[in-house]
C-alpha atoms as a PDB file:
ATOM      1  CA  MET A   1     180.645  -4.711 174.599  1.00  0.00           C
ATOM      2  CA  ILE A   2     178.732  -3.132 177.471  1.00  0.00           C
ATOM      3  CA  SER A   3     179.174   0.636 177.533  1.00  0.00           C
ATOM      4  CA  GLU A   4     181.209   1.771 180.545  1.00  0.00           C
ATOM      5  CA  ASN A   5     179.347   5.079 180.610  1.00  0.00           C
ATOM      6  CA  ALA A   6     176.061   3.230 181.177  1.00  0.00           C
ATOM      7  CA  LYS A   7     177.294   1.859 184.529  1.00  0.00           C
ATOM      8  CA  LEU A   8     175.088  -1.212 184.233  1.00  0.00           C
ATOM      9  CA  ASN A   9     174.697  -4.063 186.693  1.00  0.00           C
ATOM     10  CA  PRO A  10     177.958  -6.109 186.686  1.00  0.00           C
ATOM     11  CA  LYS A  11     175.808  -9.266 186.751  1.00  0.00           C
ATOM     12  CA  ILE A  12     173.977  -8.234 183.592  1.00  0.00           C
ATOM     13  CA  PHE A  13     174.436 -11.574 181.814  1.00  0.00           C
ATOM     14  CA  SER A  14     174.522 -13.735 184.940  1.00  0.00           C
ATOM     15  CA  GLU A  15     171.886 -16.398 185.546  1.00  0.00           C
ATOM     16  CA  ASP A  16     171.372 -15.120 189.099  1.00  0.00           C
ATOM     17  CA  ILE A  17     170.710 -11.501 188.097  1.00  0.00           C
ATOM     18  CA  GLU A  18     168.136  -9.888 190.398  1.00  0.00           C
ATOM     19  CA  GLN A  19     164.592  -9.708 189.039  1.00  0.00           C
ATOM     20  CA  LYS A  20     161.919  -7.213 190.074  1.00  0.00           C
ATOM     21  CA  PRO A  21     158.817  -5.756 188.400  1.00  0.00           C
ATOM     22  CA  THR A  22     159.209  -2.186 187.151  1.00  0.00           C
ATOM     23  CA  ARG A  23     156.093  -1.324 189.189  1.00  0.00           C
ATOM     24  CA  ASP A  24     158.204  -1.909 192.325  1.00  0.00           C
ATOM     25  CA  GLY A  25     160.440   0.944 191.217  1.00  0.00           C
ATOM     26  CA  TYR A  26     157.375   3.129 190.845  1.00  0.00           C
ATOM     27  CA  GLY A  27     156.374   2.472 194.454  1.00  0.00           C
ATOM     28  CA  GLU A  28     159.891   3.254 195.678  1.00  0.00           C
ATOM     29  CA  GLY A  29     160.026   6.402 193.575  1.00  0.00           C
ATOM     30  CA  LEU A  30     156.700   7.627 194.945  1.00  0.00           C
ATOM     31  CA  LEU A  31     158.022   7.476 198.511  1.00  0.00           C
ATOM     32  CA  ILE A  32     161.115   9.493 197.608  1.00  0.00           C
ATOM     33  CA  ALA A  33     159.108  12.034 195.616  1.00  0.00           C
ATOM     34  CA  GLY A  34     156.656  12.344 198.512  1.00  0.00           C
ATOM     35  CA  GLU A  35     159.462  12.932 200.987  1.00  0.00           C
ATOM     36  CA  GLU A  36     161.069  15.547 198.767  1.00  0.00           C
ATOM     37  CA  ASN A  37     157.891  17.478 197.992  1.00  0.00           C
ATOM     38  CA  PRO A  38     154.780  17.736 200.224  1.00  0.00           C
ATOM     39  CA  GLY A  39     152.774  18.659 197.124  1.00  0.00           C
ATOM     40  CA  VAL A  40     152.959  15.085 195.816  1.00  0.00           C
ATOM     41  CA  VAL A  41     149.636  13.258 196.160  1.00  0.00           C
ATOM     42  CA  VAL A  42     148.574   9.825 194.904  1.00  0.00           C
ATOM     43  CA  LEU A  43     145.191   8.749 193.583  1.00  0.00           C
ATOM     44  CA  CYS A  44     144.397   5.112 192.843  1.00  0.00           C
ATOM     45  CA  ALA A  45     141.497   3.209 191.283  1.00  0.00           C
ATOM     46  CA  ASP A  46     141.144   0.400 193.842  1.00  0.00           C
ATOM     47  CA  LEU A  47     144.500  -1.163 192.915  1.00  0.00           C
ATOM     48  CA  LYS A  48     146.924   0.261 195.438  1.00  0.00           C
ATOM     49  CA  GLU A  49     148.622  -3.078 196.122  1.00  0.00           C
ATOM     50  CA  SER A  50     148.971  -4.093 192.478  1.00  0.00           C
ATOM     51  CA  THR A  51     150.199  -0.672 191.361  1.00  0.00           C
ATOM     52  CA  ARG A  52     152.549  -0.369 194.365  1.00  0.00           C
ATOM     53  CA  SER A  53     150.818   2.777 195.602  1.00  0.00           C
ATOM     54  CA  LEU A  54     150.247   1.110 198.987  1.00  0.00           C
ATOM     55  CA  PRO A  55     153.553   2.160 200.655  1.00  0.00           C
ATOM     56  CA  PHE A  56     152.788   5.801 199.842  1.00  0.00           C
ATOM     57  CA  ALA A  57     149.264   5.439 201.234  1.00  0.00           C
ATOM     58  CA  GLN A  58     150.664   3.984 204.461  1.00  0.00           C
ATOM     59  CA  LYS A  59     153.318   6.651 204.923  1.00  0.00           C
ATOM     60  CA  PHE A  60     151.295   9.655 203.744  1.00  0.00           C
ATOM     61  CA  PRO A  61     147.630   8.728 204.371  1.00  0.00           C
ATOM     62  CA  GLU A  62     146.584  12.385 204.277  1.00  0.00           C
ATOM     63  CA  ARG A  63     147.988  12.621 200.737  1.00  0.00           C
ATOM     64  CA  TYR A  64     146.456   9.432 199.364  1.00  0.00           C
ATOM     65  CA  ILE A  65     142.994   9.399 197.747  1.00  0.00           C
ATOM     66  CA  GLU A  66     141.239   6.112 197.026  1.00  0.00           C
ATOM     67  CA  MET A  67     138.942   6.708 194.045  1.00  0.00           C
ATOM     68  CA  GLY A  68     137.462   3.245 193.693  1.00  0.00           C
ATOM     69  CA  VAL A  69     136.790   1.719 190.285  1.00  0.00           C
ATOM     70  CA  ALA A  70     136.275   5.107 188.632  1.00  0.00           C
ATOM     71  CA  GLU A  71     139.194   5.907 186.344  1.00  0.00           C
ATOM     72  CA  GLN A  72     137.431   8.763 184.512  1.00  0.00           C
ATOM     73  CA  ASN A  73     136.617  10.464 187.792  1.00  0.00           C
ATOM     74  CA  MET A  74     140.186   9.876 189.003  1.00  0.00           C
ATOM     75  CA  ALA A  75     141.619  11.711 185.992  1.00  0.00           C
ATOM     76  CA  THR A  76     139.228  14.632 186.394  1.00  0.00           C
ATOM     77  CA  VAL A  77     139.881  15.044 190.122  1.00  0.00           C
ATOM     78  CA  ALA A  78     143.632  14.862 189.453  1.00  0.00           C
ATOM     79  CA  ALA A  79     143.322  17.558 186.787  1.00  0.00           C
ATOM     80  CA  GLY A  80     141.908  19.930 189.392  1.00  0.00           C
ATOM     81  CA  LEU A  81     144.683  19.087 191.839  1.00  0.00           C
ATOM     82  CA  GLY A  82     147.275  19.548 189.105  1.00  0.00           C
ATOM     83  CA  VAL A  83     146.281  23.174 188.527  1.00  0.00           C
ATOM     84  CA  SER A  84     146.124  23.820 192.286  1.00  0.00           C
ATOM     85  CA  ASN A  85     149.815  23.551 193.185  1.00  0.00           C
ATOM     86  CA  LYS A  86     149.657  19.794 193.769  1.00  0.00           C
ATOM     87  CA  ILE A  87     151.562  17.043 191.941  1.00  0.00           C
ATOM     88  CA  PRO A  88     149.064  14.197 191.550  1.00  0.00           C
ATOM     89  CA  PHE A  89     150.064  10.706 190.426  1.00  0.00           C
ATOM     90  CA  ILE A  90     147.137   8.587 189.231  1.00  0.00           C
ATOM     91  CA  SER A  91     147.608   4.810 189.346  1.00  0.00           C
ATOM     92  CA  SER A  92     145.806   1.941 187.666  1.00  0.00           C
ATOM     93  CA  TYR A  93     146.335  -0.754 185.047  1.00  0.00           C
ATOM     94  CA  ALA A  94     147.304   0.739 181.701  1.00  0.00           C
ATOM     95  CA  VAL A  95     144.216  -0.699 179.970  1.00  0.00           C
ATOM     96  CA  PHE A  96     142.074   1.344 182.378  1.00  0.00           C
ATOM     97  CA  SER A  97     144.297   4.405 182.728  1.00  0.00           C
ATOM     98  CA  PRO A  98     145.032   5.698 180.099  1.00  0.00           C
ATOM     99  CA  GLY A  99     142.769   3.160 178.381  1.00  0.00           C
ATOM    100  CA  ARG A 100     139.323   3.750 179.842  1.00  0.00           C
ATOM    101  CA  ASN A 101     139.855   7.410 180.764  1.00  0.00           C
ATOM    102  CA  TRP A 102     141.711   8.581 177.651  1.00  0.00           C
ATOM    103  CA  GLU A 103     139.158  11.297 176.870  1.00  0.00           C
ATOM    104  CA  GLN A 104     139.273  12.704 180.409  1.00  0.00           C
ATOM    105  CA  ILE A 105     143.082  12.697 180.311  1.00  0.00           C
ATOM    106  CA  ARG A 106     143.002  14.521 176.987  1.00  0.00           C
ATOM    107  CA  THR A 107     140.388  17.124 177.871  1.00  0.00           C
ATOM    108  CA  THR A 108     140.915  17.807 181.573  1.00  0.00           C
ATOM    109  CA  ILE A 109     144.638  17.075 181.968  1.00  0.00           C
ATOM    110  CA  ALA A 110     146.541  17.523 178.690  1.00  0.00           C
ATOM    111  CA  TYR A 111     144.405  20.305 177.212  1.00  0.00           C
ATOM    112  CA  ASN A 112     144.817  22.316 180.433  1.00  0.00           C
ATOM    113  CA  ASP A 113     148.498  21.347 180.806  1.00  0.00           C
ATOM    114  CA  SER A 114     147.632  20.160 184.311  1.00  0.00           C
ATOM    115  CA  ASN A 115     150.570  18.874 186.363  1.00  0.00           C
ATOM    116  CA  VAL A 116     149.361  15.241 186.504  1.00  0.00           C
ATOM    117  CA  LYS A 117     151.402  12.051 186.213  1.00  0.00           C
ATOM    118  CA  ILE A 118     149.514   9.127 184.676  1.00  0.00           C
ATOM    119  CA  CYS A 119     150.948   5.779 185.767  1.00  0.00           C
ATOM    120  CA  GLY A 120     149.893   2.760 183.727  1.00  0.00           C
ATOM    121  CA  ALA A 121     150.858  -0.540 185.357  1.00  0.00           C
ATOM    122  CA  HIS A 122     150.567  -4.099 183.990  1.00  0.00           C
ATOM    123  CA  ALA A 123     151.290  -2.940 180.429  1.00  0.00           C
ATOM    124  CA  GLY A 124     152.179  -5.230 177.523  1.00  0.00           C
ATOM    125  CA  VAL A 125     151.448  -8.911 176.901  1.00  0.00           C
ATOM    126  CA  SER A 126     153.646  -9.976 179.839  1.00  0.00           C
ATOM    127  CA  VAL A 127     150.594  -9.451 182.065  1.00  0.00           C
ATOM    128  CA  GLY A 128     150.176 -13.068 180.973  1.00  0.00           C
ATOM    129  CA  PRO A 129     147.144 -15.027 182.239  1.00  0.00           C
ATOM    130  CA  ASP A 130     144.952 -11.903 182.435  1.00  0.00           C
ATOM    131  CA  GLY A 131     144.612 -12.126 178.658  1.00  0.00           C
ATOM    132  CA  ALA A 132     144.004  -9.719 175.797  1.00  0.00           C
ATOM    133  CA  THR A 133     141.494  -7.512 177.628  1.00  0.00           C
ATOM    134  CA  HIS A 134     144.146  -6.578 180.194  1.00  0.00           C
ATOM    135  CA  GLN A 135     147.180  -6.409 177.895  1.00  0.00           C
ATOM    136  CA  ALA A 136     147.763  -2.766 176.996  1.00  0.00           C
ATOM    137  CA  ILE A 137     149.630  -2.745 173.688  1.00  0.00           C
ATOM    138  CA  GLU A 138     148.336   0.559 172.306  1.00  0.00           C
ATOM    139  CA  ASP A 139     149.020   2.954 175.189  1.00  0.00           C
ATOM    140  CA  ILE A 140     152.340   4.390 173.995  1.00  0.00           C
ATOM    141  CA  ALA A 141     150.770   5.272 170.657  1.00  0.00           C
ATOM    142  CA  THR A 142     147.696   6.938 172.120  1.00  0.00           C
ATOM    143  CA  MET A 143     149.616   8.889 174.743  1.00  0.00           C
ATOM    144  CA  ARG A 144     152.476  10.140 172.583  1.00  0.00           C
ATOM    145  CA  ALA A 145     149.932  11.518 170.108  1.00  0.00           C
ATOM    146  CA  MET A 146     148.473  13.724 172.843  1.00  0.00           C
ATOM    147  CA  SER A 147     149.670  17.328 172.960  1.00  0.00           C
ATOM    148  CA  ASN A 148     151.556  18.442 176.117  1.00  0.00           C
ATOM    149  CA  MET A 149     152.149  14.789 177.107  1.00  0.00           C
ATOM    150  CA  LYS A 150     155.589  13.343 177.907  1.00  0.00           C
ATOM    151  CA  VAL A 151     156.042   9.550 177.795  1.00  0.00           C
ATOM    152  CA  PHE A 152     158.535   7.477 179.838  1.00  0.00           C
ATOM    153  CA  VAL A 153     158.984   3.694 179.475  1.00  0.00           C
ATOM    154  CA  PRO A 154     161.623   2.537 182.010  1.00  0.00           C
ATOM    155  CA  VAL A 155     163.644  -0.625 181.386  1.00  0.00           C
ATOM    156  CA  ASP A 156     163.795  -1.969 184.951  1.00  0.00           C
ATOM    157  CA  ALA A 157     162.963  -1.226 188.587  1.00  0.00           C
ATOM    158  CA  PHE A 158     165.916   1.121 189.111  1.00  0.00           C
ATOM    159  CA  GLU A 159     165.015   3.193 186.079  1.00  0.00           C
ATOM    160  CA  ALA A 160     161.331   3.164 187.031  1.00  0.00           C
ATOM    161  CA  LYS A 161     162.235   4.698 190.380  1.00  0.00           C
ATOM    162  CA  LYS A 162     164.336   7.379 188.679  1.00  0.00           C
ATOM    163  CA  ALA A 163     161.610   8.107 186.127  1.00  0.00           C
ATOM    164  CA  THR A 164     159.004   8.519 188.877  1.00  0.00           C
ATOM    165  CA  ILE A 165     161.195  10.936 190.842  1.00  0.00           C
ATOM    166  CA  ALA A 166     161.999  12.862 187.651  1.00  0.00           C
ATOM    167  CA  ALA A 167     158.318  13.081 186.671  1.00  0.00           C
ATOM    168  CA  ALA A 168     157.498  14.773 189.977  1.00  0.00           C
ATOM    169  CA  LYS A 169     159.994  17.518 189.125  1.00  0.00           C
ATOM    170  CA  ILE A 170     158.740  18.133 185.582  1.00  0.00           C
ATOM    171  CA  TRP A 171     155.858  20.495 185.025  1.00  0.00           C
ATOM    172  CA  GLY A 172     152.966  19.148 183.009  1.00  0.00           C
ATOM    173  CA  PRO A 173     151.407  15.803 182.090  1.00  0.00           C
ATOM    174  CA  VAL A 174     153.649  12.724 182.059  1.00  0.00           C
ATOM    175  CA  TYR A 175     152.746   9.135 181.196  1.00  0.00           C
ATOM    176  CA  LEU A 176     154.791   6.450 182.973  1.00  0.00           C
ATOM    177  CA  ARG A 177     154.495   2.850 181.757  1.00  0.00           C
ATOM    178  CA  PHE A 178     155.181  -0.122 184.056  1.00  0.00           C
ATOM    179  CA  THR A 179     155.013  -3.913 183.825  1.00  0.00           C
ATOM    180  CA  ARG A 180     153.648  -6.585 186.140  1.00  0.00           C
ATOM    181  CA  GLU A 181     156.138  -9.453 185.958  1.00  0.00           C
ATOM    182  CA  LYS A 182     159.592  -9.664 187.472  1.00  0.00           C
ATOM    183  CA  THR A 183     162.241  -8.730 184.905  1.00  0.00           C
ATOM    184  CA  PRO A 184     166.049  -8.447 185.094  1.00  0.00           C
ATOM    185  CA  VAL A 185     167.415  -5.429 186.977  1.00  0.00           C
ATOM    186  CA  PHE A 186     170.247  -4.733 184.566  1.00  0.00           C
ATOM    187  CA  THR A 187     170.867  -1.049 185.321  1.00  0.00           C
ATOM    188  CA  SER A 188     172.200   0.272 188.626  1.00  0.00           C
ATOM    189  CA  GLU A 189     171.722   3.220 190.962  1.00  0.00           C
ATOM    190  CA  ASP A 190     174.518   4.941 189.017  1.00  0.00           C
ATOM    191  CA  THR A 191     173.121   4.407 185.516  1.00  0.00           C
ATOM    192  CA  PRO A 192     172.325   7.829 184.021  1.00  0.00           C
ATOM    193  CA  PHE A 193     168.685   8.780 183.594  1.00  0.00           C
ATOM    194  CA  VAL A 194     167.925  12.138 182.008  1.00  0.00           C
ATOM    195  CA  PRO A 195     164.432  12.664 180.559  1.00  0.00           C
ATOM    196  CA  GLY A 196     164.673  13.079 176.802  1.00  0.00           C
ATOM    197  CA  LYS A 197     168.220  11.694 176.577  1.00  0.00           C
ATOM    198  CA  ALA A 198     168.756   8.187 175.188  1.00  0.00           C
ATOM    199  CA  GLU A 199     171.712   6.178 176.521  1.00  0.00           C
ATOM    200  CA  ILE A 200     173.977   3.681 174.757  1.00  0.00           C
ATOM    201  CA  PHE A 201     174.066   0.437 176.753  1.00  0.00           C
ATOM    202  CA  TYR A 202     176.064  -1.723 174.315  1.00  0.00           C
ATOM    203  CA  GLU A 203     178.437  -0.828 171.493  1.00  0.00           C
ATOM    204  CA  SER A 204     180.492  -3.037 169.193  1.00  0.00           C
ATOM    205  CA  LYS A 205     183.732  -1.799 167.651  1.00  0.00           C
ATOM    206  CA  LYS A 206     182.264  -1.933 164.136  1.00  0.00           C
ATOM    207  CA  PRO A 207     178.486  -1.569 164.506  1.00  0.00           C
ATOM    208  CA  GLN A 208     176.314  -2.365 161.511  1.00  0.00           C
ATOM    209  CA  VAL A 209     172.921  -1.845 163.144  1.00  0.00           C
ATOM    210  CA  VAL A 210     171.556   0.267 165.985  1.00  0.00           C
ATOM    211  CA  ILE A 211     168.872  -1.422 168.110  1.00  0.00           C
ATOM    212  CA  VAL A 212     166.609   1.177 169.720  1.00  0.00           C
ATOM    213  CA  GLY A 213     164.476  -0.153 172.558  1.00  0.00           C
ATOM    214  CA  CYS A 214     162.416   0.763 175.603  1.00  0.00           C
ATOM    215  CA  GLY A 215     161.029  -1.064 178.615  1.00  0.00           C
ATOM    216  CA  PRO A 216     162.150  -4.405 180.097  1.00  0.00           C
ATOM    217  CA  ILE A 217     162.158  -5.994 176.627  1.00  0.00           C
ATOM    218  CA  LEU A 218     165.409  -4.088 176.007  1.00  0.00           C
ATOM    219  CA  TYR A 219     167.115  -6.875 177.949  1.00  0.00           C
ATOM    220  CA  ASN A 220     166.372  -9.210 175.032  1.00  0.00           C
ATOM    221  CA  ALA A 221     168.141  -6.743 172.753  1.00  0.00           C
ATOM    222  CA  LEU A 222     171.226  -6.970 174.964  1.00  0.00           C
ATOM    223  CA  LEU A 223     171.110 -10.776 174.905  1.00  0.00           C
ATOM    224  CA  ALA A 224     170.806 -10.596 171.124  1.00  0.00           C
ATOM    225  CA  ALA A 225     173.764  -8.219 170.875  1.00  0.00           C
ATOM    226  CA  LYS A 226     175.947 -10.626 172.831  1.00  0.00           C
ATOM    227  CA  GLU A 227     175.030 -13.508 170.507  1.00  0.00           C
ATOM    228  CA  LEU A 228     175.481 -11.413 167.361  1.00  0.00           C
ATOM    229  CA  GLU A 229     179.035 -10.583 168.428  1.00  0.00           C
ATOM    230  CA  LYS A 230     179.841 -14.298 168.144  1.00  0.00           C
ATOM    231  CA  GLU A 231     178.869 -14.073 164.466  1.00  0.00           C
ATOM    232  CA  ASN A 232     180.946 -10.914 163.934  1.00  0.00           C
ATOM    233  CA  ILE A 233     177.825  -8.795 163.592  1.00  0.00           C
ATOM    234  CA  GLY A 234     178.357  -5.568 165.497  1.00  0.00           C
ATOM    235  CA  VAL A 235     175.487  -3.568 166.975  1.00  0.00           C
ATOM    236  CA  ILE A 236     174.714  -0.631 169.207  1.00  0.00           C
ATOM    237  CA  VAL A 237     171.912  -1.018 171.775  1.00  0.00           C
ATOM    238  CA  LEU A 238     170.267   2.294 172.652  1.00  0.00           C
ATOM    239  CA  ASN A 239     168.010   2.661 175.682  1.00  0.00           C
ATOM    240  CA  ASN A 240     165.341   5.089 174.487  1.00  0.00           C
ATOM    241  CA  HIS A 241     163.365   5.350 177.740  1.00  0.00           C
ATOM    242  CA  THR A 242     161.775   8.659 176.752  1.00  0.00           C
ATOM    243  CA  ILE A 243     159.407   8.159 173.843  1.00  0.00           C
ATOM    244  CA  LYS A 244     158.354  11.799 173.952  1.00  0.00           C
ATOM    245  CA  PRO A 245     160.233  14.089 173.688  1.00  0.00           C
ATOM    246  CA  ILE A 246     162.383  11.602 171.774  1.00  0.00           C
ATOM    247  CA  ASP A 247     166.149  12.072 171.486  1.00  0.00           C
ATOM    248  CA  GLU A 248     166.188  12.957 167.777  1.00  0.00           C
ATOM    249  CA  LYS A 249     169.834  14.002 167.764  1.00  0.00           C
ATOM    250  CA  LYS A 250     171.115  10.673 169.118  1.00  0.00           C
ATOM    251  CA  ILE A 251     168.870   8.567 166.863  1.00  0.00           C
ATOM    252  CA  ILE A 252     169.960  10.445 163.736  1.00  0.00           C
ATOM    253  CA  GLU A 253     173.612  10.280 164.778  1.00  0.00           C
ATOM    254  CA  LEU A 254     173.520   6.497 165.266  1.00  0.00           C
ATOM    255  CA  ALA A 255     171.459   5.888 162.125  1.00  0.00           C
ATOM    256  CA  LYS A 256     174.166   7.684 160.137  1.00  0.00           C
ATOM    257  CA  LYS A 257     176.882   5.689 161.904  1.00  0.00           C
ATOM    258  CA  CYS A 258     175.262   2.260 161.399  1.00  0.00           C
ATOM    259  CA  GLY A 259     173.079   2.663 158.328  1.00  0.00           C
ATOM    260  CA  ALA A 260     170.314   0.415 159.671  1.00  0.00           C
ATOM    261  CA  VAL A 261     167.890   0.459 162.609  1.00  0.00           C
ATOM    262  CA  VAL A 262     165.847  -2.118 164.558  1.00  0.00           C
ATOM    263  CA  THR A 263     163.303  -1.008 167.155  1.00  0.00           C
ATOM    264  CA  VAL A 264     162.269  -3.256 170.061  1.00  0.00           C
ATOM    265  CA  GLU A 265     159.204  -2.730 172.268  1.00  0.00           C
ATOM    266  CA  GLU A 266     156.530  -4.718 174.134  1.00  0.00           C
ATOM    267  CA  HIS A 267     153.836  -2.781 172.344  1.00  0.00           C
ATOM    268  CA  SER A 268     152.168  -2.682 168.968  1.00  0.00           C
ATOM    269  CA  VAL A 269     154.614  -1.940 166.144  1.00  0.00           C
ATOM    270  CA  ILE A 270     151.990   0.532 164.943  1.00  0.00           C
ATOM    271  CA  GLY A 271     152.439   3.980 166.453  1.00  0.00           C
ATOM    272  CA  GLY A 272     154.727   3.193 169.390  1.00  0.00           C
ATOM    273  CA  LEU A 273     158.486   3.554 169.742  1.00  0.00           C
ATOM    274  CA  GLY A 274     159.052   2.161 166.255  1.00  0.00           C
ATOM    275  CA  GLY A 275     156.673   4.647 164.722  1.00  0.00           C
ATOM    276  CA  SER A 276     158.302   7.498 166.619  1.00  0.00           C
ATOM    277  CA  VAL A 277     161.808   6.518 165.459  1.00  0.00           C
ATOM    278  CA  ALA A 278     160.550   6.055 161.880  1.00  0.00           C
ATOM    279  CA  GLU A 279     159.081   9.577 161.919  1.00  0.00           C
ATOM    280  CA  VAL A 280     162.404  11.023 163.048  1.00  0.00           C
ATOM    281  CA  LEU A 281     164.367   9.203 160.344  1.00  0.00           C
ATOM    282  CA  ALA A 282     161.860   9.760 157.528  1.00  0.00           C
ATOM    283  CA  LYS A 283     162.170  13.483 158.113  1.00  0.00           C
ATOM    284  CA  ASN A 284     165.912  13.682 158.701  1.00  0.00           C
ATOM    285  CA  TYR A 285     167.797  10.611 157.466  1.00  0.00           C
ATOM    286  CA  PRO A 286     165.794   7.809 155.769  1.00  0.00           C
ATOM    287  CA  THR A 287     167.246   4.496 156.948  1.00  0.00           C
ATOM    288  CA  PRO A 288     166.337   0.796 156.484  1.00  0.00           C
ATOM    289  CA  MET A 289     164.335  -0.340 159.532  1.00  0.00           C
ATOM    290  CA  GLU A 290     162.838  -3.450 161.096  1.00  0.00           C
ATOM    291  CA  PHE A 291     160.303  -3.456 163.930  1.00  0.00           C
ATOM    292  CA  VAL A 292     160.202  -5.965 166.815  1.00  0.00           C
ATOM    293  CA  GLY A 293     156.972  -5.819 168.800  1.00  0.00           C
ATOM    294  CA  MET A 294     153.341  -6.895 168.665  1.00  0.00           C
ATOM    295  CA  LYS A 295     152.109  -7.101 165.091  1.00  0.00           C
ATOM    296  CA  ASP A 296     148.569  -6.010 164.220  1.00  0.00           C
ATOM    297  CA  ILE A 297     147.050  -8.576 166.588  1.00  0.00           C
ATOM    298  CA  PHE A 298     145.670  -8.948 170.116  1.00  0.00           C
ATOM    299  CA  GLY A 299     147.405 -11.172 172.653  1.00  0.00           C
ATOM    300  CA  GLU A 300     146.008 -14.108 174.631  1.00  0.00           C
ATOM    301  CA  SER A 301     146.285 -15.754 178.044  1.00  0.00           C
ATOM    302  CA  GLY A 302     149.459 -17.636 178.874  1.00  0.00           C
ATOM    303  CA  PRO A 303     152.775 -17.592 180.739  1.00  0.00           C
ATOM    304  CA  PRO A 304     154.472 -14.206 180.157  1.00  0.00           C
ATOM    305  CA  GLU A 305     157.746 -15.609 178.824  1.00  0.00           C
ATOM    306  CA  LYS A 306     155.915 -17.841 176.349  1.00  0.00           C
ATOM    307  CA  LEU A 307     153.788 -14.948 175.120  1.00  0.00           C
ATOM    308  CA  ILE A 308     156.902 -12.852 174.518  1.00  0.00           C
ATOM    309  CA  GLU A 309     158.318 -15.652 172.378  1.00  0.00           C
ATOM    310  CA  LYS A 310     155.045 -16.455 170.598  1.00  0.00           C
ATOM    311  CA  TYR A 311     154.543 -12.872 169.507  1.00  0.00           C
ATOM    312  CA  GLY A 312     158.076 -12.415 168.215  1.00  0.00           C
ATOM    313  CA  MET A 313     159.772 -10.348 170.918  1.00  0.00           C
ATOM    314  CA  GLY A 314     162.428 -12.787 172.151  1.00  0.00           C
ATOM    315  CA  ALA A 315     166.187 -12.432 171.727  1.00  0.00           C
ATOM    316  CA  LYS A 316     166.107 -14.727 168.690  1.00  0.00           C
ATOM    317  CA  ASP A 317     163.551 -12.436 167.057  1.00  0.00           C
ATOM    318  CA  VAL A 318     165.811  -9.434 167.607  1.00  0.00           C
ATOM    319  CA  ILE A 319     168.685 -11.372 166.038  1.00  0.00           C
ATOM    320  CA  SER A 320     166.485 -12.228 163.059  1.00  0.00           C
ATOM    321  CA  ALA A 321     165.451  -8.581 162.616  1.00  0.00           C
ATOM    322  CA  VAL A 322     169.084  -7.433 162.742  1.00  0.00           C
ATOM    323  CA  LYS A 323     170.118  -9.908 160.038  1.00  0.00           C
ATOM    324  CA  LYS A 324     167.126  -8.964 157.900  1.00  0.00           C
ATOM    325  CA  VAL A 325     167.821  -5.236 158.029  1.00  0.00           C
ATOM    326  CA  ILE A 326     171.513  -5.811 157.219  1.00  0.00           C
ATOM    327  CA  LYS A 327     170.467  -7.601 154.016  1.00  0.00           C
ATOM    328  CA  ARG A 328     168.220  -4.692 153.109  1.00  0.00           C
ATOM    329  CA  LYS A 329     171.031  -2.258 153.790  1.00  0.00           C
ATOM    330  CA  LYS A 330     173.326  -4.134 151.410  1.00  0.00           C
END
C-alpha cells in the first residue's frame, strides 16, 4: 500500500492524474531560490525556453547570463562565479551539459569545489523524436564518478522544484537531472525531500523485494507494485532521488528485510543508480539484484512512451524483474 509518511498525491493511480515535465519544477524552483537569495544567478546555452530558465531571466534580468551555444565556456564562467560568492545554475540539455562540457565541469568546477549547480534537461530516452544523439543515458554515471559532485534525480515536477531550492542551499557542485516530457505528478507539496535521504513510497505487509528507483520512471515501479499485490507478491518501492551521496543505511536495511533488490532508472544500467546500489550491497550485504534500465545500447527516434516500452522500462518489465529476482533468491 502507499506509504502514509510519503504524503503522495491522492490521485496517484487515477487516470486524470496531473502531468507536467520535471523541467517545469526546475523553472519554478529557480524563481523561489532567486527570491530567497540574491546570490543566485542563471546561465543558459541558448535554451532558456526549453530548460525553463526563461521565467528567471524575465524576473531577474540582471542575474541572467545568456552564453549562446558554448557549453564549455558556460561551465568555466560559472566556476568563477561559484568561487566569488555567487550561486550559479547552468542550464542546457544533458547531452551538452554535462555531456559536451564534462572536462570543464571536472577541472574548473568540481576540482575547485566551486558552488555551481549543473542542470541537465531532456535526459533519458523519453526525449523521443530527437533520437540517440540527444538522449542522455550516461550522465548519472559520469557525474557520480566525479569527486565533490552531488547528484539529484527528481521523480516529478514537485520534487524537481524542491531539489532545485535545496541545491541552492548546499555548498559545492550539484548535478540536477530533468526530463522533457510530461510525466505524472505523483508526489505533493508535503512529500518529504531531504538530500541524501531515500523515502519509502509503497510498502506491502510482507515484502519480498525492494524496488529502488529514481526519476519519473519510478511511477512505473508504483504501477508494478500495485499489480504485484494482486498476485500476492509484496514489495517496497523506495524513491532514491539522491544518487550521490546515496542513502546507504536505508538501502542496506531494506535489502536485509526483503532479501532481493530491483533497481529502476531511465539511464544505462551500467554505472547509474543500479551500479551505485550494487556497490553499496557488494560491500555491506550482498543481495540478489536485477536492473531495469537501458541495456548496453543507444536509443532511437520515436514516441517517448513507446521507447520506454521498447527498451524494457515499462511497468511490465519491472514486474518481470521482480519475479526473476525472487526466483534467484529462492
